[in-house]
């Protein structure tokens, strides 16, 4: 049993190397008795196989296995060293070259500024004033009257007040009527405001200016003619304090 221990040790060493120990089957001296051989895992002969049988001794097998162990250790050491060097090479990053700015990384061009539309100019202030001789043509155009007749009337003493805002946009005419009772009546004979300037208080301003002028001239009663060119005539004058008291009759 003790004699078989070295052989079993060799068999185990061969198995660890992925090899197989082959022992002679002869039980008596002669031939390949006491000889051995080695094959790989697939059975391919590696050592100790001759034409007449097995040829390797225990020492031959031992030397072969020890040589293989040394070679394996050297290969392992070389491979391990290579792995360490590779790992170090992988750990040390290469400096990253500075990338040139691409179309995507460049700052976008500034957006063109959108011009702010200019505010429309403020209209000239409204002025309520006494008409001048030079206003006759504008008054005639506004009231759709004959320019020559309007000029003659103004020269003849017809009192007119205009609303001026960079041009004549409204006009009111009035005159003083004496009576036998001694009381003077102020009569508003015409009021007109440009179509696109109405409902802005211009008509009211003209009536108030004419009323103030008539009262200053001694008129104690102010009346407005019913054919004055004001839409919703009666409602307009009622809002200014006028009352309807009589009808007007005409001939011719």
Protein backbone atom coordinates (compact mmCIF):
# COMPACT_ATOMS: atom_id res chain seq x y z
CA UNK A 1 0.00 0.00 0.00
CA UNK A 2 2.90 2.33 0.91
CA UNK A 3 4.51 1.65 -2.47
CA UNK A 4 1.44 2.95 -4.26
CA UNK A 5 1.43 6.33 -2.43
CA UNK A 6 4.05 8.04 -4.68
CA UNK A 7 2.16 6.81 -7.74
CA UNK A 8 -1.14 8.18 -6.39
CA UNK A 9 0.60 11.48 -5.66
CA UNK A 10 1.81 11.61 -9.27
CA UNK A 11 -1.66 10.70 -10.52
CA UNK A 12 -3.16 13.55 -8.45
CA UNK A 13 -0.51 16.01 -9.65
CA UNK A 14 -1.20 15.04 -13.25
CA UNK A 15 -4.94 15.45 -12.72
CA UNK A 16 -4.42 19.00 -11.39
CA UNK A 17 -2.53 19.75 -14.59
CA UNK A 18 -5.40 18.42 -16.69
CA UNK A 19 -3.34 15.32 -17.56
CA UNK A 20 -3.77 11.62 -17.03
CA UNK A 21 -1.17 9.23 -15.61
CA UNK A 22 -1.05 5.84 -17.40
CA UNK A 23 0.50 2.88 -15.54
CA UNK A 24 1.76 -0.35 -17.13
CA UNK A 25 -0.64 -3.23 -16.76
CA UNK A 26 2.18 -5.83 -16.46
CA UNK A 27 2.33 -7.43 -13.05
CA UNK A 28 5.62 -9.29 -13.60
CA UNK A 29 9.10 -8.14 -14.54
CA UNK A 30 9.75 -7.75 -18.22
CA UNK A 31 8.46 -5.56 -21.00
CA UNK A 32 7.23 -2.16 -19.71
CA UNK A 33 6.68 -3.37 -16.18
CA UNK A 34 6.93 -0.46 -13.70
CA UNK A 35 6.81 2.12 -16.48
CA UNK A 36 4.41 5.07 -16.93
CA UNK A 37 3.09 7.45 -19.50
CA UNK A 38 1.22 10.81 -19.61
CA UNK A 39 -1.63 11.86 -21.86
CA UNK A 40 -3.72 14.99 -22.08
CA UNK A 41 -7.42 15.06 -21.21
CA UNK A 42 -8.36 13.78 -24.67
CA UNK A 43 -5.96 10.82 -24.44
CA UNK A 44 -3.23 12.16 -26.72
CA UNK A 45 0.18 10.75 -25.61
CA UNK A 46 2.55 13.36 -24.17
CA UNK A 47 5.33 11.38 -22.47
CA UNK A 48 6.46 7.77 -22.02
CA UNK A 49 4.83 6.06 -24.98
CA UNK A 50 7.01 3.82 -27.19
CA UNK A 51 6.45 1.21 -29.85
CA UNK A 52 6.87 -1.58 -27.33
CA UNK A 53 4.90 -0.03 -24.49
CA UNK A 54 5.33 2.56 -21.75
CA UNK A 55 8.83 3.97 -21.22
CA UNK A 56 8.76 6.75 -18.55
CA UNK A 57 9.90 6.21 -14.99
CA UNK A 58 8.51 7.82 -11.88
CA UNK A 59 11.36 10.35 -11.99
CA UNK A 60 10.58 11.15 -15.65
CA UNK A 61 6.93 11.81 -14.80
CA UNK A 62 7.89 13.90 -11.74
CA UNK A 63 10.37 16.00 -13.73
CA UNK A 64 7.82 16.58 -16.50
CA UNK A 65 5.14 17.67 -14.07
CA UNK A 66 7.52 19.95 -12.13
CA UNK A 67 8.67 21.52 -15.37
CA UNK A 68 5.06 22.15 -16.29
CA UNK A 69 4.36 23.69 -12.88
CA UNK A 70 7.31 26.08 -13.27
CA UNK A 71 6.23 27.02 -16.76
CA UNK A 72 2.70 27.62 -15.54
CA UNK A 73 3.94 29.81 -12.70
CA UNK A 74 6.10 31.86 -15.07
CA UNK A 75 3.21 32.30 -17.49
CA UNK A 76 0.93 33.25 -14.61
CA UNK A 77 3.43 35.81 -13.34
CA UNK A 78 3.89 37.25 -16.83
CA UNK A 79 0.14 37.42 -17.41
CA UNK A 80 -0.51 39.00 -14.01
CA UNK A 81 2.18 41.62 -14.62
CA UNK A 82 0.67 42.38 -18.00
CA UNK A 83 -2.77 42.75 -16.45
CA UNK A 84 -1.40 45.15 -13.83
CA UNK A 85 0.30 47.22 -16.51
CA UNK A 86 -2.87 47.26 -18.58
CA UNK A 87 -4.93 48.28 -15.55
CA UNK A 88 -2.51 51.12 -14.78
CA UNK A 89 -2.68 52.22 -18.37
CA UNK A 90 -6.46 52.23 -18.17
CA UNK A 91 -6.46 54.16 -14.88
CA UNK A 92 -4.26 56.95 -16.23
CA UNK A 93 -6.58 58.88 -18.55
CA UNK A 94 -5.15 60.59 -21.53
CA UNK A 95 -5.50 64.36 -21.58
CA UNK A 96 -8.63 65.27 -23.46
CA UNK A 97 -7.88 67.63 -26.32
CA UNK A 98 -9.78 70.88 -26.13
CA UNK A 99 -12.70 70.58 -28.47
CA UNK A 100 -13.23 73.30 -30.98
CA UNK A 101 -16.62 75.00 -30.61
CA UNK A 102 -19.12 73.48 -32.96
CA UNK A 103 -22.26 74.95 -34.40
CA UNK A 104 -24.20 73.44 -31.48
CA UNK A 105 -21.93 74.89 -28.74
CA UNK A 106 -21.61 78.39 -30.15
CA UNK A 107 -23.81 81.00 -28.57
CA UNK A 108 -26.86 81.71 -30.72
CA UNK A 109 -26.81 85.04 -32.51
CA UNK A 110 -28.75 87.79 -30.76
CA UNK A 111 -32.31 88.11 -31.87
CA UNK A 112 -32.99 91.20 -33.95
CA UNK A 113 -34.64 93.87 -31.91
CA UNK A 114 -38.25 94.45 -32.81
CA UNK A 115 -38.87 98.15 -33.33
CA UNK A 116 -41.46 99.54 -30.97
CA UNK A 117 -44.15 101.27 -32.97
CA UNK A 118 -44.14 104.98 -32.36
CA UNK A 119 -47.10 106.38 -30.53
CA UNK A 120 -49.38 108.49 -32.69
CA UNK A 121 -48.83 112.19 -32.07
CA UNK A 122 -51.14 113.80 -29.58
CA UNK A 123 -53.78 115.97 -31.27
CA UNK A 124 -53.47 119.72 -30.76
CA UNK A 125 -55.41 121.06 -27.78
CA UNK A 126 -59.00 122.16 -28.39
CA UNK A 127 -59.48 125.92 -28.45
CA UNK A 128 -62.89 127.64 -28.29
CA UNK A 129 -62.46 131.17 -29.66
CA UNK A 130 -64.24 133.98 -31.47
CA UNK A 131 -64.20 133.52 -35.24
CA UNK A 132 -62.02 135.73 -37.41
CA UNK A 133 -62.66 136.95 -40.95
CA UNK A 134 -60.06 134.47 -42.21
CA UNK A 135 -62.12 131.55 -40.86
CA UNK A 136 -65.03 132.21 -43.25
CA UNK A 137 -63.97 129.67 -45.90
CA UNK A 138 -63.43 126.90 -43.33
CA UNK A 139 -66.77 127.64 -41.63
CA UNK A 140 -68.55 127.56 -45.00
CA UNK A 141 -66.95 124.18 -45.85
CA UNK A 142 -67.87 122.73 -42.44
CA UNK A 143 -71.49 123.95 -42.55
CA UNK A 144 -71.85 123.31 -46.31
CA UNK A 145 -72.62 126.97 -46.98
CA UNK A 146 -71.65 129.31 -49.77
CA UNK A 147 -68.20 130.69 -49.02
CA UNK A 148 -68.88 134.16 -50.44
CA UNK A 149 -72.16 134.53 -48.54
CA UNK A 150 -70.50 133.39 -45.33
CA UNK A 151 -67.72 135.92 -45.78
CA UNK A 152 -70.25 138.75 -46.32
CA UNK A 153 -72.29 137.70 -43.27
CA UNK A 154 -69.27 137.72 -41.01
CA UNK A 155 -68.22 141.13 -42.30
CA UNK A 156 -71.80 142.32 -41.66
CA UNK A 157 -71.49 141.58 -37.95
CA UNK A 158 -72.73 137.98 -37.52
CA UNK A 159 -71.20 136.71 -34.31
CA UNK A 160 -69.55 133.30 -34.59
CA UNK A 161 -67.51 131.18 -32.22
CA UNK A 162 -65.38 128.29 -33.52
CA UNK A 163 -63.84 125.12 -32.10
CA UNK A 164 -60.24 125.00 -33.33
CA UNK A 165 -57.97 121.92 -33.02
CA UNK A 166 -55.42 122.39 -35.72
CA UNK A 167 -58.32 123.44 -37.95
CA UNK A 168 -61.97 124.48 -37.64
CA UNK A 169 -63.98 121.44 -36.42
CA UNK A 170 -67.04 123.23 -34.99
CA UNK A 171 -68.90 126.52 -35.19
CA UNK A 172 -71.84 128.27 -33.46
CA UNK A 173 -73.52 131.54 -34.49
CA UNK A 174 -75.78 133.73 -32.40
CA UNK A 175 -77.06 137.29 -32.18
CA UNK A 176 -78.86 139.65 -29.80
CA UNK A 177 -82.57 140.40 -30.43
CA UNK A 178 -83.94 143.56 -28.71
CA UNK A 179 -87.62 143.55 -27.60
CA UNK A 180 -90.17 146.28 -26.74
CA UNK A 181 -90.29 144.97 -23.21
CA UNK A 182 -86.74 146.09 -22.84
CA UNK A 183 -85.36 142.61 -22.36
CA UNK A 184 -82.87 141.37 -24.93
CA UNK A 185 -83.07 137.79 -26.21
CA UNK A 186 -79.97 135.86 -27.21
CA UNK A 187 -80.68 133.59 -30.15
CA UNK A 188 -78.46 130.69 -31.24
CA UNK A 189 -79.00 130.38 -35.00
CA UNK A 190 -76.55 127.64 -36.04
CA UNK A 191 -74.33 125.02 -34.48
CA UNK A 192 -72.35 122.41 -36.42
CA UNK A 193 -69.59 119.95 -35.44
CA UNK A 194 -67.50 117.84 -37.84
CA UNK A 195 -68.89 114.31 -38.19
CA UNK A 196 -65.78 112.50 -36.85
CA UNK A 197 -65.42 114.94 -33.93
CA UNK A 198 -68.87 114.53 -32.41
CA UNK A 199 -69.70 113.11 -28.97
CA UNK A 200 -66.54 114.57 -27.48
CA UNK A 201 -68.16 117.55 -25.71
CA UNK A 202 -67.34 120.02 -28.49
CA UNK A 203 -71.00 121.01 -29.08
CA UNK A 204 -71.52 121.57 -25.36
CA UNK A 205 -68.40 123.75 -25.17
CA UNK A 206 -69.63 125.87 -28.10
CA UNK A 207 -73.11 126.41 -26.55
CA UNK A 208 -71.61 127.40 -23.19
CA UNK A 209 -69.26 129.87 -24.89
CA UNK A 210 -72.12 131.42 -26.92
CA UNK A 211 -74.35 131.63 -23.85
CA UNK A 212 -71.64 133.36 -21.84
CA UNK A 213 -71.10 135.91 -24.64
CA UNK A 214 -74.86 136.62 -24.98
CA UNK A 215 -75.35 137.04 -21.24
CA UNK A 216 -72.41 139.39 -21.14
CA UNK A 217 -74.13 141.39 -23.90
CA UNK A 218 -77.23 141.78 -21.71
CA UNK A 219 -79.43 138.92 -22.90
CA UNK A 220 -81.64 137.56 -20.13
CA UNK A 221 -83.22 134.82 -22.22
CA UNK A 222 -81.32 132.42 -24.49
CA UNK A 223 -83.16 130.50 -27.18
CA UNK A 224 -82.02 127.97 -29.76
CA UNK A 225 -83.54 127.64 -33.23
CA UNK A 226 -85.16 124.25 -33.88
CA UNK A 227 -83.57 123.84 -37.29
CA UNK A 228 -80.08 123.81 -35.92
CA UNK A 229 -77.92 120.98 -37.36
CA UNK A 230 -77.65 118.81 -34.29
CA UNK A 231 -78.77 115.18 -34.28
CA UNK A 232 -81.21 114.53 -31.43
CA UNK A 233 -81.56 118.28 -31.15
CA UNK A 234 -84.15 118.37 -28.37
CA UNK A 235 -82.33 115.87 -26.15
CA UNK A 236 -79.05 117.73 -26.64
CA UNK A 237 -80.44 121.04 -25.44
CA UNK A 238 -82.41 119.55 -22.59
CA UNK A 239 -79.17 118.18 -21.13
CA UNK A 240 -77.86 121.77 -21.15
CA UNK A 241 -80.86 123.12 -19.20
CA UNK A 242 -83.02 124.38 -22.10
CA UNK A 243 -86.80 123.87 -22.04
CA UNK A 244 -89.14 123.70 -25.02
CA UNK A 245 -91.57 126.66 -24.62
CA UNK A 246 -92.92 127.53 -28.09
CA UNK A 247 -93.05 126.67 -31.77
CA UNK A 248 -91.58 128.72 -34.55
CA UNK A 249 -93.65 129.67 -37.59
CA UNK A 250 -92.05 130.83 -40.83
CA UNK A 251 -93.07 131.97 -44.32
CA UNK A 252 -91.08 132.22 -47.48
